[in-house]
Amino acid sequence: MGSMLEGIGKRTTVYTSSSQRVSPADFELNLLSLAAIVIKADGKVSQQEMQFVQNYFVQGYGKEKANAIFRTFNEVVKSREVAPKAICDYLRVRMRYESRLQIIHFLFSIAQADGHVSQPEVDKINEISGYMAIGQRDFESIKAMFFKNPDSAYKILEIDRSATVEEIKKAYRTMAKKYHPDKLQHMDEAYRKGAEEKFRKVQEAYEQLQKERGF
């Protein structure tokens, strides 16, 4: 497990939280390990989910670098058992809260890549979220972005169906600020695109409630 937490290569440290740091190399390898845990959660390795991860890293790092990263990832998925708590403990104290929120969104995106987020995948992401010290309401907000039901918009905005119009407006302002992509300008391009998607879901939820409530 120790080698999973060691950096690959030497580059400038950009991911910071207080005085502790996680280098881009550390971040890549640990993010891949969490992705592998989610992909294997339902007992099978989905090629669509594997392809999603590969595409993500091609967008973020270019084809040559992504291929090198993905070779490591492929090895992790197929041959290693990775303990999520050890990875999350490492990242939790070295990453800002908004960056950890984006990891949860990324993991749900992987799970959805094959067209269906299974209950074992939800359970595993919830476990990872707990280790990352993500609030349960924040977890449910991100989860609701991947499940369409009558309460999804309310859950995304972290409010109850009984919320008043003023409470909806206040919740939207709060969530828009929490999920604004500018909070992740220190992350790589692919990660920022995920943040933009999350922000868009908040906007869509608000617009849906505007139509439903007529305000």
C-alpha atoms as a PDB file:
ATOM      1  CA  MET A   1       0.000   0.000   0.000  1.00  0.00           C
ATOM      2  CA  GLY A   2       2.933   2.304   0.646  1.00  0.00           C
ATOM      3  CA  SER A   3       3.889   2.429  -3.038  1.00  0.00           C
ATOM      4  CA  MET A   4       0.356   3.507  -3.905  1.00  0.00           C
ATOM      5  CA  LEU A   5       0.873   6.656  -1.880  1.00  0.00           C
ATOM      6  CA  GLU A   6       4.274   7.592  -3.265  1.00  0.00           C
ATOM      7  CA  GLY A   7       4.651  10.157  -6.017  1.00  0.00           C
ATOM      8  CA  ILE A   8       5.525   9.148  -9.579  1.00  0.00           C
ATOM      9  CA  GLY A   9       7.975  11.687 -10.952  1.00  0.00           C
ATOM     10  CA  LYS A  10       8.855  15.096  -9.527  1.00  0.00           C
ATOM     11  CA  ARG A  11       6.706  18.141 -10.324  1.00  0.00           C
ATOM     12  CA  THR A  12       5.619  21.344  -8.666  1.00  0.00           C
ATOM     13  CA  THR A  13       3.194  20.898  -5.792  1.00  0.00           C
ATOM     14  CA  VAL A  14      -0.092  22.685  -6.470  1.00  0.00           C
ATOM     15  CA  TYR A  15      -2.744  20.924  -4.381  1.00  0.00           C
ATOM     16  CA  THR A  16      -2.565  22.387  -0.914  1.00  0.00           C
ATOM     17  CA  SER A  17      -4.417  22.395   2.366  1.00  0.00           C
ATOM     18  CA  SER A  18      -2.863  24.343   5.239  1.00  0.00           C
ATOM     19  CA  SER A  19       0.806  23.340   5.550  1.00  0.00           C
ATOM     20  CA  GLN A  20       0.449  19.891   4.029  1.00  0.00           C
ATOM     21  CA  ARG A  21       0.612  19.216   0.313  1.00  0.00           C
ATOM     22  CA  VAL A  22      -0.231  16.588  -2.249  1.00  0.00           C
ATOM     23  CA  SER A  23       1.744  16.685  -5.483  1.00  0.00           C
ATOM     24  CA  PRO A  24       0.057  16.230  -8.878  1.00  0.00           C
ATOM     25  CA  ALA A  25       1.714  12.811  -9.145  1.00  0.00           C
ATOM     26  CA  ASP A  26       0.342  11.739  -5.765  1.00  0.00           C
ATOM     27  CA  PHE A  27      -3.071  13.063  -6.703  1.00  0.00           C
ATOM     28  CA  GLU A  28      -3.202  11.211 -10.040  1.00  0.00           C
ATOM     29  CA  LEU A  29      -2.262   7.857  -8.576  1.00  0.00           C
ATOM     30  CA  ASN A  30      -4.614   8.123  -5.626  1.00  0.00           C
ATOM     31  CA  LEU A  31      -7.493   9.352  -7.803  1.00  0.00           C
ATOM     32  CA  LEU A  32      -6.927   6.362 -10.078  1.00  0.00           C
ATOM     33  CA  SER A  33      -6.980   4.057  -7.082  1.00  0.00           C
ATOM     34  CA  LEU A  34     -10.355   5.445  -5.946  1.00  0.00           C
ATOM     35  CA  ALA A  35     -11.646   5.086  -9.507  1.00  0.00           C
ATOM     36  CA  ALA A  36     -10.553   1.438  -9.502  1.00  0.00           C
ATOM     37  CA  ILE A  37     -12.396   0.823  -6.222  1.00  0.00           C
ATOM     38  CA  VAL A  38     -15.648   2.201  -7.663  1.00  0.00           C
ATOM     39  CA  ILE A  39     -15.289   0.319 -10.953  1.00  0.00           C
ATOM     40  CA  LYS A  40     -14.848  -2.961  -9.078  1.00  0.00           C
ATOM     41  CA  ALA A  41     -17.606  -2.236  -6.531  1.00  0.00           C
ATOM     42  CA  ASP A  42     -20.340  -4.220  -8.303  1.00  0.00           C
ATOM     43  CA  GLY A  43     -18.124  -7.232  -8.958  1.00  0.00           C
ATOM     44  CA  LYS A  44     -17.355  -6.559 -12.611  1.00  0.00           C
ATOM     45  CA  VAL A  45     -15.044  -4.296 -14.571  1.00  0.00           C
ATOM     46  CA  SER A  46     -17.086  -2.244 -17.044  1.00  0.00           C
ATOM     47  CA  GLN A  47     -15.233  -1.300 -20.221  1.00  0.00           C
ATOM     48  CA  GLN A  48     -17.353   1.857 -20.508  1.00  0.00           C
ATOM     49  CA  GLU A  49     -16.246   2.939 -17.052  1.00  0.00           C
ATOM     50  CA  MET A  50     -12.615   2.142 -17.871  1.00  0.00           C
ATOM     51  CA  GLN A  51     -12.919   4.165 -21.093  1.00  0.00           C
ATOM     52  CA  PHE A  52     -14.421   7.101 -19.193  1.00  0.00           C
ATOM     53  CA  VAL A  53     -11.378   7.233 -16.919  1.00  0.00           C
ATOM     54  CA  GLN A  54      -8.986   6.981 -19.857  1.00  0.00           C
ATOM     55  CA  ASN A  55     -10.781   9.793 -21.703  1.00  0.00           C
ATOM     56  CA  TYR A  56     -10.691  11.931 -18.566  1.00  0.00           C
ATOM     57  CA  PHE A  57      -6.933  11.680 -18.336  1.00  0.00           C
ATOM     58  CA  VAL A  58      -6.436  12.245 -22.080  1.00  0.00           C
ATOM     59  CA  GLN A  59      -8.386  15.502 -21.738  1.00  0.00           C
ATOM     60  CA  GLY A  60      -6.407  16.530 -18.678  1.00  0.00           C
ATOM     61  CA  TYR A  61      -2.876  15.471 -19.579  1.00  0.00           C
ATOM     62  CA  GLY A  62      -2.646  14.662 -23.283  1.00  0.00           C
ATOM     63  CA  LYS A  63      -2.513  11.246 -24.925  1.00  0.00           C
ATOM     64  CA  GLU A  64       1.098  10.266 -24.192  1.00  0.00           C
ATOM     65  CA  LYS A  65       0.995  11.136 -20.493  1.00  0.00           C
ATOM     66  CA  ALA A  66      -2.513   9.689 -20.138  1.00  0.00           C
ATOM     67  CA  ASN A  67      -1.460   6.383 -21.652  1.00  0.00           C
ATOM     68  CA  ALA A  68       1.371   6.081 -19.142  1.00  0.00           C
ATOM     69  CA  ILE A  69      -0.994   6.891 -16.266  1.00  0.00           C
ATOM     70  CA  PHE A  70      -3.614   4.491 -17.542  1.00  0.00           C
ATOM     71  CA  ARG A  71      -1.147   1.592 -17.735  1.00  0.00           C
ATOM     72  CA  THR A  72      -0.655   2.011 -14.000  1.00  0.00           C
ATOM     73  CA  PHE A  73      -4.399   2.300 -13.520  1.00  0.00           C
ATOM     74  CA  ASN A  74      -5.072  -0.856 -15.534  1.00  0.00           C
ATOM     75  CA  GLU A  75      -2.651  -2.741 -13.326  1.00  0.00           C
ATOM     76  CA  VAL A  76      -4.335  -1.451 -10.172  1.00  0.00           C
ATOM     77  CA  VAL A  77      -7.813  -2.425 -11.391  1.00  0.00           C
ATOM     78  CA  LYS A  78      -6.835  -5.930 -12.365  1.00  0.00           C
ATOM     79  CA  SER A  79      -4.303  -7.001  -9.775  1.00  0.00           C
ATOM     80  CA  ARG A  80      -4.475  -5.013  -6.541  1.00  0.00           C
ATOM     81  CA  GLU A  81      -6.850  -4.626  -3.657  1.00  0.00           C
ATOM     82  CA  VAL A  82      -6.798  -1.016  -2.521  1.00  0.00           C
ATOM     83  CA  ALA A  83      -8.052   0.175   0.871  1.00  0.00           C
ATOM     84  CA  PRO A  84     -10.133   3.340   0.377  1.00  0.00           C
ATOM     85  CA  LYS A  85      -9.660   4.599   3.942  1.00  0.00           C
ATOM     86  CA  ALA A  86      -5.874   4.825   3.600  1.00  0.00           C
ATOM     87  CA  ILE A  87      -6.165   6.829   0.391  1.00  0.00           C
ATOM     88  CA  CYS A  88      -8.872   9.115   1.763  1.00  0.00           C
ATOM     89  CA  ASP A  89      -6.988   9.715   5.002  1.00  0.00           C
ATOM     90  CA  TYR A  90      -4.007  10.787   2.902  1.00  0.00           C
ATOM     91  CA  LEU A  91      -5.971  13.116   0.624  1.00  0.00           C
ATOM     92  CA  ARG A  92      -8.411  14.504   3.200  1.00  0.00           C
ATOM     93  CA  VAL A  93      -5.829  16.522   5.123  1.00  0.00           C
ATOM     94  CA  ARG A  94      -4.092  17.713   1.954  1.00  0.00           C
ATOM     95  CA  MET A  95      -7.029  18.875  -0.189  1.00  0.00           C
ATOM     96  CA  ARG A  96      -9.567  21.652   0.100  1.00  0.00           C
ATOM     97  CA  TYR A  97     -13.160  20.664   0.784  1.00  0.00           C
ATOM     98  CA  GLU A  98     -14.388  21.809  -2.639  1.00  0.00           C
ATOM     99  CA  SER A  99     -11.745  19.615  -4.299  1.00  0.00           C
ATOM    100  CA  ARG A 100     -12.903  16.627  -2.285  1.00  0.00           C
ATOM    101  CA  LEU A 101     -16.485  17.349  -3.361  1.00  0.00           C
ATOM    102  CA  GLN A 102     -15.313  17.195  -6.959  1.00  0.00           C
ATOM    103  CA  ILE A 103     -13.738  13.779  -6.360  1.00  0.00           C
ATOM    104  CA  ILE A 104     -17.162  12.473  -5.297  1.00  0.00           C
ATOM    105  CA  HIS A 105     -18.717  13.936  -8.461  1.00  0.00           C
ATOM    106  CA  PHE A 106     -15.970  12.327 -10.553  1.00  0.00           C
ATOM    107  CA  LEU A 107     -16.595   8.921  -8.965  1.00  0.00           C
ATOM    108  CA  PHE A 108     -20.327   9.137  -9.672  1.00  0.00           C
ATOM    109  CA  SER A 109     -19.507  10.103 -13.270  1.00  0.00           C
ATOM    110  CA  ILE A 110     -17.432   6.933 -13.603  1.00  0.00           C
ATOM    111  CA  ALA A 111     -20.219   4.802 -12.146  1.00  0.00           C
ATOM    112  CA  GLN A 112     -22.715   6.288 -14.610  1.00  0.00           C
ATOM    113  CA  ALA A 113     -20.489   5.724 -17.647  1.00  0.00           C
ATOM    114  CA  ASP A 114     -22.112   2.343 -18.371  1.00  0.00           C
ATOM    115  CA  GLY A 115     -25.579   3.904 -18.187  1.00  0.00           C
ATOM    116  CA  HIS A 116     -26.474   2.808 -14.658  1.00  0.00           C
ATOM    117  CA  VAL A 117     -25.204   3.641 -11.174  1.00  0.00           C
ATOM    118  CA  SER A 118     -25.610   0.423  -9.201  1.00  0.00           C
ATOM    119  CA  GLN A 119     -26.356   0.276  -5.487  1.00  0.00           C
ATOM    120  CA  PRO A 120     -22.945  -1.269  -4.664  1.00  0.00           C
ATOM    121  CA  GLU A 121     -21.327   1.673  -6.469  1.00  0.00           C
ATOM    122  CA  VAL A 122     -23.463   4.157  -4.511  1.00  0.00           C
ATOM    123  CA  ASP A 123     -22.545   2.403  -1.265  1.00  0.00           C
ATOM    124  CA  LYS A 124     -18.830   2.456  -2.091  1.00  0.00           C
ATOM    125  CA  ILE A 125     -18.878   6.146  -3.066  1.00  0.00           C
ATOM    126  CA  ASN A 126     -20.776   6.907   0.145  1.00  0.00           C
ATOM    127  CA  GLU A 127     -18.089   5.075   2.103  1.00  0.00           C
ATOM    128  CA  ILE A 128     -15.366   7.063   0.332  1.00  0.00           C
ATOM    129  CA  SER A 129     -17.320  10.271   0.970  1.00  0.00           C
ATOM    130  CA  GLY A 130     -17.389   9.496   4.681  1.00  0.00           C
ATOM    131  CA  TYR A 131     -13.646   8.904   4.769  1.00  0.00           C
ATOM    132  CA  MET A 132     -13.213  12.211   2.937  1.00  0.00           C
ATOM    133  CA  ALA A 133     -15.238  13.984   5.662  1.00  0.00           C
ATOM    134  CA  ILE A 134     -17.878  15.089   3.154  1.00  0.00           C
ATOM    135  CA  GLY A 135     -21.135  16.212   4.776  1.00  0.00           C
ATOM    136  CA  GLN A 136     -24.061  13.855   4.163  1.00  0.00           C
ATOM    137  CA  ARG A 137     -26.192  16.618   2.641  1.00  0.00           C
ATOM    138  CA  ASP A 138     -23.372  17.458   0.219  1.00  0.00           C
ATOM    139  CA  PHE A 139     -23.081  13.768  -0.694  1.00  0.00           C
ATOM    140  CA  GLU A 140     -26.838  13.536  -1.304  1.00  0.00           C
ATOM    141  CA  SER A 141     -26.687  16.729  -3.391  1.00  0.00           C
ATOM    142  CA  ILE A 142     -24.062  15.282  -5.724  1.00  0.00           C
ATOM    143  CA  LYS A 143     -25.774  11.890  -5.813  1.00  0.00           C
ATOM    144  CA  ALA A 144     -29.042  13.562  -6.866  1.00  0.00           C
ATOM    145  CA  MET A 145     -27.285  14.894  -9.967  1.00  0.00           C
ATOM    146  CA  PHE A 146     -27.141  11.305 -11.242  1.00  0.00           C
ATOM    147  CA  PHE A 147     -30.646  10.120 -10.293  1.00  0.00           C
ATOM    148  CA  LYS A 148     -33.762  11.632 -11.845  1.00  0.00           C
ATOM    149  CA  ASN A 149     -36.782  11.685  -9.523  1.00  0.00           C
ATOM    150  CA  PRO A 150     -39.345  14.306  -8.353  1.00  0.00           C
ATOM    151  CA  ASP A 151     -37.129  15.349  -5.434  1.00  0.00           C
ATOM    152  CA  SER A 152     -33.812  15.563  -7.322  1.00  0.00           C
ATOM    153  CA  ALA A 153     -33.854  19.355  -7.738  1.00  0.00           C
ATOM    154  CA  TYR A 154     -34.565  19.833  -4.037  1.00  0.00           C
ATOM    155  CA  LYS A 155     -31.797  17.434  -3.020  1.00  0.00           C
ATOM    156  CA  ILE A 156     -29.296  19.115  -5.334  1.00  0.00           C
ATOM    157  CA  LEU A 157     -30.051  22.427  -3.617  1.00  0.00           C
ATOM    158  CA  GLU A 158     -30.022  20.706  -0.200  1.00  0.00           C
ATOM    159  CA  ILE A 159     -33.548  21.767   0.746  1.00  0.00           C
ATOM    160  CA  ASP A 160     -36.835  20.023   1.518  1.00  0.00           C
ATOM    161  CA  ARG A 161     -39.845  19.983  -0.791  1.00  0.00           C
ATOM    162  CA  SER A 162     -41.616  22.208   1.756  1.00  0.00           C
ATOM    163  CA  ALA A 163     -39.077  25.033   1.212  1.00  0.00           C
ATOM    164  CA  THR A 164     -40.494  28.493   0.515  1.00  0.00           C
ATOM    165  CA  VAL A 165     -39.566  30.479  -2.591  1.00  0.00           C
ATOM    166  CA  GLU A 166     -37.217  32.632  -0.520  1.00  0.00           C
ATOM    167  CA  GLU A 167     -35.572  29.530   0.918  1.00  0.00           C
ATOM    168  CA  ILE A 168     -35.122  28.139  -2.609  1.00  0.00           C
ATOM    169  CA  LYS A 169     -33.480  31.372  -3.755  1.00  0.00           C
ATOM    170  CA  LYS A 170     -31.199  31.418  -0.725  1.00  0.00           C
ATOM    171  CA  ALA A 171     -30.285  27.747  -1.233  1.00  0.00           C
ATOM    172  CA  TYR A 172     -29.433  28.403  -4.882  1.00  0.00           C
ATOM    173  CA  ARG A 173     -27.105  31.276  -3.970  1.00  0.00           C
ATOM    174  CA  THR A 174     -25.416  29.109  -1.343  1.00  0.00           C
ATOM    175  CA  MET A 175     -24.969  26.097  -3.638  1.00  0.00           C
ATOM    176  CA  ALA A 176     -23.869  28.215  -6.607  1.00  0.00           C
ATOM    177  CA  LYS A 177     -21.161  29.703  -4.423  1.00  0.00           C
ATOM    178  CA  LYS A 178     -20.139  26.304  -3.021  1.00  0.00           C
ATOM    179  CA  TYR A 179     -19.934  24.638  -6.438  1.00  0.00           C
ATOM    180  CA  HIS A 180     -18.592  27.556  -8.488  1.00  0.00           C
ATOM    181  CA  PRO A 181     -15.860  26.358 -10.905  1.00  0.00           C
ATOM    182  CA  ASP A 182     -13.589  29.232  -9.880  1.00  0.00           C
ATOM    183  CA  LYS A 183     -12.984  27.382  -6.633  1.00  0.00           C
ATOM    184  CA  LEU A 184     -11.134  24.710  -8.649  1.00  0.00           C
ATOM    185  CA  GLN A 185      -8.892  26.916 -10.779  1.00  0.00           C
ATOM    186  CA  HIS A 186      -5.891  25.269  -9.121  1.00  0.00           C
ATOM    187  CA  MET A 187      -6.886  21.858 -10.549  1.00  0.00           C
ATOM    188  CA  ASP A 188      -6.256  20.377 -14.003  1.00  0.00           C
ATOM    189  CA  GLU A 189      -8.495  21.094 -16.993  1.00  0.00           C
ATOM    190  CA  ALA A 190     -10.460  17.825 -16.920  1.00  0.00           C
ATOM    191  CA  TYR A 191     -11.207  18.345 -13.235  1.00  0.00           C
ATOM    192  CA  ARG A 192     -12.438  21.880 -13.909  1.00  0.00           C
ATOM    193  CA  LYS A 193     -14.768  20.595 -16.633  1.00  0.00           C
ATOM    194  CA  GLY A 194     -16.332  18.313 -14.046  1.00  0.00           C
ATOM    195  CA  ALA A 195     -16.786  21.318 -11.765  1.00  0.00           C
ATOM    196  CA  GLU A 196     -18.560  23.171 -14.572  1.00  0.00           C
ATOM    197  CA  GLU A 197     -20.916  20.220 -15.025  1.00  0.00           C
ATOM    198  CA  LYS A 198     -21.706  20.163 -11.312  1.00  0.00           C
ATOM    199  CA  PHE A 199     -22.360  23.926 -11.340  1.00  0.00           C
ATOM    200  CA  ARG A 200     -24.643  23.498 -14.355  1.00  0.00           C
ATOM    201  CA  LYS A 201     -26.700  20.896 -12.486  1.00  0.00           C
ATOM    202  CA  VAL A 202     -27.273  23.406  -9.681  1.00  0.00           C
ATOM    203  CA  GLN A 203     -28.466  25.973 -12.213  1.00  0.00           C
ATOM    204  CA  GLU A 204     -30.766  23.432 -13.887  1.00  0.00           C
ATOM    205  CA  ALA A 205     -32.236  22.417 -10.530  1.00  0.00           C
ATOM    206  CA  TYR A 206     -32.994  26.047  -9.719  1.00  0.00           C
ATOM    207  CA  GLU A 207     -34.556  26.680 -13.123  1.00  0.00           C
ATOM    208  CA  GLN A 208     -36.701  23.570 -12.719  1.00  0.00           C
ATOM    209  CA  LEU A 209     -38.033  24.806  -9.390  1.00  0.00           C
ATOM    210  CA  GLN A 210     -38.645  28.254 -10.853  1.00  0.00           C
ATOM    211  CA  LYS A 211     -40.910  26.661 -13.467  1.00  0.00           C
ATOM    212  CA  GLU A 212     -42.633  24.374 -10.964  1.00  0.00           C
ATOM    213  CA  ARG A 213     -43.249  27.157  -8.441  1.00  0.00           C
ATOM    214  CA  GLY A 214     -43.815  29.937 -10.967  1.00  0.00           C
ATOM    215  CA  PHE A 215     -41.354  32.532  -9.710  1.00  0.00           C
END
